[in-house]
Amino acid sequence: MAQPLVSVVVPAFEPGEYLREAIESLVAQTYPSLEIIVVDDGSTPPCRATCDAYPAVRYVAQEHGGPAAARNTGVELSHGAFIAFQDADDLSTPERIEVQMGALEGDPSLGFVLSNLENFHARDVAPPSWFREEAELRSRMGFVNTALVRRETLASVGPFDSAYRIGEDIDWLVRARDAGVRSAVCPEVLLRRRIHGRNLSADVRLGHQNLVLILRASLRRRVQTRVQTS
């Protein structure tokens, strides 16, 4: 029996050599039925040459629009019944997709699964000023960069909001929660997140500002739902 196709969407903006390692971590997956889509979000120079070295990778380029826009483009072009996300500077463990598919197939009520991740520091750059090794290197729950989602769940929750340069993944997860989508977190560490000083999440101030906006929008949705059902 053929296994369901999983599309892996990789948004990439100025990824350098990190992209090659990210692709190799996906090519090495133990789950055989994969479609890998790299969305080049306006990199200069484009990262087509890196992608063309891997026959399993589908490359698409767009003008720079941020990670939300790149993820949305990848979803629109994908064919899988399940869609996974991985950032271009991160590494999936070989069993990531196999483990997450097992979780979704074992519980049809789940709309998506996340996993734990561990951070690691890039060897080619000095640690960024915000990096605190003892805290940052502990394993923790990942967000959309570890997600495997049913296509129908993505359709029901809606696309990533490109108004957020940072926090679009948290916004999507909060919207999914507000819509009543069930999810789970695989306890295994299935993703290694690279810390290299250019991570978007390093902009703590903008991240906090966007988090406030996300929580306010969530509160409005919940109030509106209560009003409609009362």
C-alpha atoms as a PDB file:
ATOM      1  CA  MET A   1       0.000   0.000   0.000  1.00  0.00           C
ATOM      2  CA  ALA A   2       1.401   3.379  -1.067  1.00  0.00           C
ATOM      3  CA  GLN A   3       2.165   5.806   1.719  1.00  0.00           C
ATOM      4  CA  PRO A   4       0.546   9.271   1.622  1.00  0.00           C
ATOM      5  CA  LEU A   5       2.606  12.019   0.025  1.00  0.00           C
ATOM      6  CA  VAL A   6       4.121  14.549   2.430  1.00  0.00           C
ATOM      7  CA  SER A   7       5.113  17.935   1.024  1.00  0.00           C
ATOM      8  CA  VAL A   8       7.917  19.687   2.909  1.00  0.00           C
ATOM      9  CA  VAL A   9       7.936  23.466   2.435  1.00  0.00           C
ATOM     10  CA  VAL A  10      11.268  25.223   3.037  1.00  0.00           C
ATOM     11  CA  PRO A  11      11.195  29.058   2.965  1.00  0.00           C
ATOM     12  CA  ALA A  12      14.666  30.368   2.130  1.00  0.00           C
ATOM     13  CA  PHE A  13      16.046  33.908   2.304  1.00  0.00           C
ATOM     14  CA  GLU A  14      19.811  34.363   2.022  1.00  0.00           C
ATOM     15  CA  PRO A  15      20.404  30.867   3.453  1.00  0.00           C
ATOM     16  CA  GLY A  16      23.953  30.399   2.155  1.00  0.00           C
ATOM     17  CA  GLU A  17      25.417  26.949   2.697  1.00  0.00           C
ATOM     18  CA  TYR A  18      22.911  26.238   5.473  1.00  0.00           C
ATOM     19  CA  LEU A  19      20.354  25.405   2.785  1.00  0.00           C
ATOM     20  CA  ARG A  20      22.449  22.532   1.450  1.00  0.00           C
ATOM     21  CA  GLU A  21      22.564  20.938   4.898  1.00  0.00           C
ATOM     22  CA  ALA A  22      18.838  21.505   5.395  1.00  0.00           C
ATOM     23  CA  ILE A  23      18.044  19.783   2.084  1.00  0.00           C
ATOM     24  CA  GLU A  24      20.335  16.866   2.874  1.00  0.00           C
ATOM     25  CA  SER A  25      18.514  16.345   6.174  1.00  0.00           C
ATOM     26  CA  LEU A  26      15.266  16.015   4.209  1.00  0.00           C
ATOM     27  CA  VAL A  27      16.670  13.823   1.462  1.00  0.00           C
ATOM     28  CA  ALA A  28      17.849  11.469   4.235  1.00  0.00           C
ATOM     29  CA  GLN A  29      14.360  11.000   5.712  1.00  0.00           C
ATOM     30  CA  THR A  30      13.306   7.430   6.455  1.00  0.00           C
ATOM     31  CA  TYR A  31       9.784   8.240   5.229  1.00  0.00           C
ATOM     32  CA  PRO A  32       9.960   7.571   1.473  1.00  0.00           C
ATOM     33  CA  SER A  33       7.024   9.498   0.001  1.00  0.00           C
ATOM     34  CA  LEU A  34       8.268  13.099   0.109  1.00  0.00           C
ATOM     35  CA  GLU A  35       7.944  16.210  -2.030  1.00  0.00           C
ATOM     36  CA  ILE A  36      10.512  18.903  -1.105  1.00  0.00           C
ATOM     37  CA  ILE A  37       9.691  22.477  -2.135  1.00  0.00           C
ATOM     38  CA  VAL A  38      12.211  25.277  -1.569  1.00  0.00           C
ATOM     39  CA  VAL A  39      10.689  28.752  -1.888  1.00  0.00           C
ATOM     40  CA  ASP A  40      13.448  31.275  -2.573  1.00  0.00           C
ATOM     41  CA  ASP A  41      12.136  34.455  -0.966  1.00  0.00           C
ATOM     42  CA  GLY A  42      14.199  36.946  -2.963  1.00  0.00           C
ATOM     43  CA  SER A  43      17.711  35.745  -2.075  1.00  0.00           C
ATOM     44  CA  THR A  44      20.665  37.543  -3.704  1.00  0.00           C
ATOM     45  CA  PRO A  45      22.108  35.638  -5.405  1.00  0.00           C
ATOM     46  CA  PRO A  46      19.259  33.165  -5.891  1.00  0.00           C
ATOM     47  CA  CYS A  47      19.738  29.733  -4.342  1.00  0.00           C
ATOM     48  CA  ARG A  48      18.668  27.796  -7.448  1.00  0.00           C
ATOM     49  CA  ALA A  49      22.114  26.269  -7.961  1.00  0.00           C
ATOM     50  CA  THR A  50      22.016  24.668  -4.527  1.00  0.00           C
ATOM     51  CA  CYS A  51      18.554  23.229  -5.151  1.00  0.00           C
ATOM     52  CA  ASP A  52      19.331  22.012  -8.677  1.00  0.00           C
ATOM     53  CA  ALA A  53      21.988  19.699  -7.221  1.00  0.00           C
ATOM     54  CA  TYR A  54      19.171  17.627  -5.682  1.00  0.00           C
ATOM     55  CA  PRO A  55      16.725  16.017  -8.145  1.00  0.00           C
ATOM     56  CA  ALA A  56      14.199  15.513  -5.334  1.00  0.00           C
ATOM     57  CA  VAL A  57      13.916  19.282  -4.732  1.00  0.00           C
ATOM     58  CA  ARG A  58      11.453  21.560  -6.471  1.00  0.00           C
ATOM     59  CA  TYR A  59      12.690  25.167  -6.623  1.00  0.00           C
ATOM     60  CA  VAL A  60      10.473  28.250  -6.912  1.00  0.00           C
ATOM     61  CA  ALA A  61      11.502  31.900  -6.621  1.00  0.00           C
ATOM     62  CA  GLN A  62       9.467  34.924  -5.582  1.00  0.00           C
ATOM     63  CA  GLU A  63      10.047  38.542  -4.609  1.00  0.00           C
ATOM     64  CA  HIS A  64      10.964  39.006  -0.962  1.00  0.00           C
ATOM     65  CA  GLY A  65       7.808  38.835   1.125  1.00  0.00           C
ATOM     66  CA  GLY A  66       8.906  37.236   4.379  1.00  0.00           C
ATOM     67  CA  PRO A  67       8.524  33.714   5.788  1.00  0.00           C
ATOM     68  CA  ALA A  68       4.721  33.788   5.888  1.00  0.00           C
ATOM     69  CA  ALA A  69       4.460  34.623   2.193  1.00  0.00           C
ATOM     70  CA  ALA A  70       7.066  31.982   1.326  1.00  0.00           C
ATOM     71  CA  ARG A  71       5.251  29.297   3.315  1.00  0.00           C
ATOM     72  CA  ASN A  72       1.952  30.225   1.659  1.00  0.00           C
ATOM     73  CA  THR A  73       3.528  29.935  -1.792  1.00  0.00           C
ATOM     74  CA  GLY A  74       4.903  26.511  -0.937  1.00  0.00           C
ATOM     75  CA  VAL A  75       1.533  25.313   0.333  1.00  0.00           C
ATOM     76  CA  GLU A  76      -0.196  26.540  -2.833  1.00  0.00           C
ATOM     77  CA  LEU A  77       2.261  24.633  -5.024  1.00  0.00           C
ATOM     78  CA  SER A  78       2.302  21.449  -2.953  1.00  0.00           C
ATOM     79  CA  HIS A  79       0.527  18.201  -3.795  1.00  0.00           C
ATOM     80  CA  GLY A  80       0.728  16.255  -0.531  1.00  0.00           C
ATOM     81  CA  ALA A  81      -2.176  15.352   1.702  1.00  0.00           C
ATOM     82  CA  PHE A  82       0.164  16.314   4.550  1.00  0.00           C
ATOM     83  CA  ILE A  83       2.447  19.351   4.666  1.00  0.00           C
ATOM     84  CA  ALA A  84       5.550  19.797   6.802  1.00  0.00           C
ATOM     85  CA  PHE A  85       7.590  22.927   7.366  1.00  0.00           C
ATOM     86  CA  GLN A  86      11.301  23.379   7.923  1.00  0.00           C
ATOM     87  CA  ASP A  87      13.373  26.547   7.920  1.00  0.00           C
ATOM     88  CA  ALA A  88      16.319  26.691   5.546  1.00  0.00           C
ATOM     89  CA  ASP A  89      18.895  26.903   8.328  1.00  0.00           C
ATOM     90  CA  ASP A  90      17.550  23.979  10.387  1.00  0.00           C
ATOM     91  CA  LEU A  91      18.060  20.216  10.267  1.00  0.00           C
ATOM     92  CA  SER A  92      15.408  17.515  10.564  1.00  0.00           C
ATOM     93  CA  THR A  93      16.432  14.243  12.155  1.00  0.00           C
ATOM     94  CA  PRO A  94      16.200  11.291   9.711  1.00  0.00           C
ATOM     95  CA  GLU A  95      13.097   9.843  11.381  1.00  0.00           C
ATOM     96  CA  ARG A  96      11.206  13.141  11.776  1.00  0.00           C
ATOM     97  CA  ILE A  97       8.512  12.683   9.113  1.00  0.00           C
ATOM     98  CA  GLU A  98       8.095   8.965   9.848  1.00  0.00           C
ATOM     99  CA  VAL A  99       7.493   9.633  13.552  1.00  0.00           C
ATOM    100  CA  GLN A 100       5.095  12.512  12.930  1.00  0.00           C
ATOM    101  CA  MET A 101       3.137  10.611  10.292  1.00  0.00           C
ATOM    102  CA  GLY A 102       2.788   7.765  12.763  1.00  0.00           C
ATOM    103  CA  ALA A 103       1.277  10.178  15.268  1.00  0.00           C
ATOM    104  CA  LEU A 104      -1.230  11.605  12.773  1.00  0.00           C
ATOM    105  CA  GLU A 105      -2.214   8.246  11.340  1.00  0.00           C
ATOM    106  CA  GLY A 106      -2.580   6.847  14.855  1.00  0.00           C
ATOM    107  CA  ASP A 107      -5.052   9.596  15.848  1.00  0.00           C
ATOM    108  CA  PRO A 108      -7.268  10.871  13.003  1.00  0.00           C
ATOM    109  CA  SER A 109      -8.687  13.577  15.296  1.00  0.00           C
ATOM    110  CA  LEU A 110      -5.362  15.455  15.282  1.00  0.00           C
ATOM    111  CA  GLY A 111      -5.089  18.312  12.810  1.00  0.00           C
ATOM    112  CA  PHE A 112      -1.341  18.652  13.166  1.00  0.00           C
ATOM    113  CA  VAL A 113       1.634  17.591  15.251  1.00  0.00           C
ATOM    114  CA  LEU A 114       4.673  19.503  16.449  1.00  0.00           C
ATOM    115  CA  SER A 115       7.824  18.102  18.028  1.00  0.00           C
ATOM    116  CA  ASN A 116      10.525  19.038  20.439  1.00  0.00           C
ATOM    117  CA  LEU A 117      13.659  20.658  19.050  1.00  0.00           C
ATOM    118  CA  GLU A 118      17.152  21.428  20.215  1.00  0.00           C
ATOM    119  CA  ASN A 119      19.188  24.514  19.374  1.00  0.00           C
ATOM    120  CA  PHE A 120      22.789  24.328  18.249  1.00  0.00           C
ATOM    121  CA  HIS A 121      25.250  27.097  17.570  1.00  0.00           C
ATOM    122  CA  ALA A 122      26.657  27.511  14.064  1.00  0.00           C
ATOM    123  CA  ARG A 123      30.403  26.828  13.993  1.00  0.00           C
ATOM    124  CA  ASP A 124      31.201  29.492  11.381  1.00  0.00           C
ATOM    125  CA  VAL A 125      30.113  32.575  13.360  1.00  0.00           C
ATOM    126  CA  ALA A 126      30.609  33.954  16.863  1.00  0.00           C
ATOM    127  CA  PRO A 127      27.688  33.495  19.287  1.00  0.00           C
ATOM    128  CA  PRO A 128      25.182  36.373  18.986  1.00  0.00           C
ATOM    129  CA  SER A 129      24.929  38.786  21.914  1.00  0.00           C
ATOM    130  CA  TRP A 130      21.500  37.453  22.918  1.00  0.00           C
ATOM    131  CA  PHE A 131      22.666  33.831  23.001  1.00  0.00           C
ATOM    132  CA  ARG A 132      22.741  32.296  26.475  1.00  0.00           C
ATOM    133  CA  GLU A 133      24.185  28.809  26.035  1.00  0.00           C
ATOM    134  CA  GLU A 134      22.806  27.169  29.175  1.00  0.00           C
ATOM    135  CA  ALA A 135      19.230  28.286  28.428  1.00  0.00           C
ATOM    136  CA  GLU A 136      19.273  28.152  24.624  1.00  0.00           C
ATOM    137  CA  LEU A 137      20.724  24.665  24.243  1.00  0.00           C
ATOM    138  CA  ARG A 138      18.011  22.929  26.271  1.00  0.00           C
ATOM    139  CA  SER A 139      15.458  20.991  24.237  1.00  0.00           C
ATOM    140  CA  ARG A 140      12.055  22.645  23.969  1.00  0.00           C
ATOM    141  CA  MET A 141       8.794  22.514  22.050  1.00  0.00           C
ATOM    142  CA  GLY A 142       9.036  23.754  18.483  1.00  0.00           C
ATOM    143  CA  PHE A 143       6.494  25.812  16.587  1.00  0.00           C
ATOM    144  CA  VAL A 144       5.600  25.723  12.894  1.00  0.00           C
ATOM    145  CA  ASN A 145       9.229  24.951  12.010  1.00  0.00           C
ATOM    146  CA  THR A 146       8.538  21.460  13.423  1.00  0.00           C
ATOM    147  CA  ALA A 147       4.938  21.093  12.202  1.00  0.00           C
ATOM    148  CA  LEU A 148       3.358  18.363  10.104  1.00  0.00           C
ATOM    149  CA  VAL A 149      -0.181  19.423   9.157  1.00  0.00           C
ATOM    150  CA  ARG A 150      -3.098  17.819   7.383  1.00  0.00           C
ATOM    151  CA  ARG A 151      -3.965  19.744   4.207  1.00  0.00           C
ATOM    152  CA  GLU A 152      -7.588  20.126   5.275  1.00  0.00           C
ATOM    153  CA  THR A 153      -6.420  21.667   8.546  1.00  0.00           C
ATOM    154  CA  LEU A 154      -4.375  24.277   6.694  1.00  0.00           C
ATOM    155  CA  ALA A 155      -7.383  25.048   4.524  1.00  0.00           C
ATOM    156  CA  SER A 156      -9.705  25.453   7.505  1.00  0.00           C
ATOM    157  CA  VAL A 157      -7.365  27.643   9.591  1.00  0.00           C
ATOM    158  CA  GLY A 158      -6.242  29.718   6.621  1.00  0.00           C
ATOM    159  CA  PRO A 159      -2.860  30.930   5.319  1.00  0.00           C
ATOM    160  CA  PHE A 160      -0.029  32.424   7.332  1.00  0.00           C
ATOM    161  CA  ASP A 161      -0.482  36.158   7.905  1.00  0.00           C
ATOM    162  CA  SER A 162       2.245  37.974   5.964  1.00  0.00           C
ATOM    163  CA  ALA A 163       1.633  41.135   8.022  1.00  0.00           C
ATOM    164  CA  TYR A 164       3.881  39.518  10.645  1.00  0.00           C
ATOM    165  CA  ARG A 165       7.587  39.422   9.780  1.00  0.00           C
ATOM    166  CA  ILE A 166       8.112  37.653  13.114  1.00  0.00           C
ATOM    167  CA  GLY A 167       5.494  35.586  14.921  1.00  0.00           C
ATOM    168  CA  GLU A 168       3.463  34.470  11.912  1.00  0.00           C
ATOM    169  CA  ASP A 169       3.932  30.900  13.116  1.00  0.00           C
ATOM    170  CA  ILE A 170       2.601  31.705  16.596  1.00  0.00           C
ATOM    171  CA  ASP A 171      -0.325  33.556  15.023  1.00  0.00           C
ATOM    172  CA  TRP A 172      -1.227  30.488  12.940  1.00  0.00           C
ATOM    173  CA  LEU A 173      -0.996  28.165  15.947  1.00  0.00           C
ATOM    174  CA  VAL A 174      -3.181  30.492  18.037  1.00  0.00           C
ATOM    175  CA  ARG A 175      -5.758  30.699  15.244  1.00  0.00           C
ATOM    176  CA  ALA A 176      -5.775  26.914  15.008  1.00  0.00           C
ATOM    177  CA  ARG A 177      -6.320  26.640  18.770  1.00  0.00           C
ATOM    178  CA  ASP A 178      -9.136  29.216  18.652  1.00  0.00           C
ATOM    179  CA  ALA A 179     -10.762  27.202  15.852  1.00  0.00           C
ATOM    180  CA  GLY A 180     -10.757  24.090  18.037  1.00  0.00           C
ATOM    181  CA  VAL A 181      -8.130  22.167  16.056  1.00  0.00           C
ATOM    182  CA  ARG A 182      -6.633  19.314  18.090  1.00  0.00           C
ATOM    183  CA  SER A 183      -2.870  18.902  18.037  1.00  0.00           C
ATOM    184  CA  ALA A 184      -0.094  17.022  19.790  1.00  0.00           C
ATOM    185  CA  VAL A 185       3.624  17.376  20.430  1.00  0.00           C
ATOM    186  CA  CYS A 186       5.892  14.434  19.684  1.00  0.00           C
ATOM    187  CA  PRO A 187       8.207  14.142  22.697  1.00  0.00           C
ATOM    188  CA  GLU A 188      11.212  13.227  20.572  1.00  0.00           C
ATOM    189  CA  VAL A 189      13.686  15.892  19.432  1.00  0.00           C
ATOM    190  CA  LEU A 190      12.999  15.809  15.699  1.00  0.00           C
ATOM    191  CA  LEU A 191      14.526  19.125  14.630  1.00  0.00           C
ATOM    192  CA  ARG A 192      17.850  20.868  15.277  1.00  0.00           C
ATOM    193  CA  ARG A 193      17.515  24.662  15.097  1.00  0.00           C
ATOM    194  CA  ARG A 194      20.651  26.506  14.086  1.00  0.00           C
ATOM    195  CA  ILE A 195      21.590  29.682  16.003  1.00  0.00           C
ATOM    196  CA  HIS A 196      23.738  31.933  13.829  1.00  0.00           C
ATOM    197  CA  GLY A 197      23.020  35.553  14.703  1.00  0.00           C
ATOM    198  CA  ARG A 198      20.737  36.270  11.725  1.00  0.00           C
ATOM    199  CA  ASN A 199      17.742  34.367  13.090  1.00  0.00           C
ATOM    200  CA  LEU A 200      14.609  36.499  12.756  1.00  0.00           C
ATOM    201  CA  SER A 201      13.578  35.574  16.285  1.00  0.00           C
ATOM    202  CA  ALA A 202      16.602  37.495  17.577  1.00  0.00           C
ATOM    203  CA  ASP A 203      14.581  40.713  17.117  1.00  0.00           C
ATOM    204  CA  VAL A 204      13.070  40.369  20.592  1.00  0.00           C
ATOM    205  CA  ARG A 205      11.410  43.794  20.602  1.00  0.00           C
ATOM    206  CA  LEU A 206       9.456  43.191  17.390  1.00  0.00           C
ATOM    207  CA  GLY A 207       8.637  39.670  18.542  1.00  0.00           C
ATOM    208  CA  HIS A 208       7.081  40.981  21.755  1.00  0.00           C
ATOM    209  CA  GLN A 209       5.133  43.670  19.875  1.00  0.00           C
ATOM    210  CA  ASN A 210       3.704  41.118  17.473  1.00  0.00           C
ATOM    211  CA  LEU A 211       2.865  38.725  20.305  1.00  0.00           C
ATOM    212  CA  VAL A 212       0.701  41.415  21.903  1.00  0.00           C
ATOM    213  CA  LEU A 213      -1.118  41.937  18.589  1.00  0.00           C
ATOM    214  CA  ILE A 214      -1.614  38.175  18.182  1.00  0.00           C
ATOM    215  CA  LEU A 215      -3.069  37.763  21.667  1.00  0.00           C
ATOM    216  CA  ARG A 216      -5.379  40.747  21.214  1.00  0.00           C
ATOM    217  CA  ALA A 217      -6.693  39.295  17.961  1.00  0.00           C
ATOM    218  CA  SER A 218      -7.229  35.948  19.684  1.00  0.00           C
ATOM    219  CA  LEU A 219      -9.190  37.613  22.485  1.00  0.00           C
ATOM    220  CA  ARG A 220     -11.412  39.389  19.958  1.00  0.00           C
ATOM    221  CA  ARG A 221     -12.132  36.107  18.169  1.00  0.00           C
ATOM    222  CA  ARG A 222     -13.059  34.329  21.396  1.00  0.00           C
ATOM    223  CA  VAL A 223     -15.323  37.171  22.513  1.00  0.00           C
ATOM    224  CA  GLN A 224     -17.029  37.182  19.119  1.00  0.00           C
ATOM    225  CA  THR A 225     -17.519  33.415  19.294  1.00  0.00           C
ATOM    226  CA  ARG A 226     -19.116  33.664  22.734  1.00  0.00           C
ATOM    227  CA  VAL A 227     -21.438  36.416  21.514  1.00  0.00           C
ATOM    228  CA  GLN A 228     -22.488  34.385  18.489  1.00  0.00           C
ATOM    229  CA  THR A 229     -23.172  31.257  20.531  1.00  0.00           C
ATOM    230  CA  SER A 230     -24.958  32.970  23.449  1.00  0.00           C
END
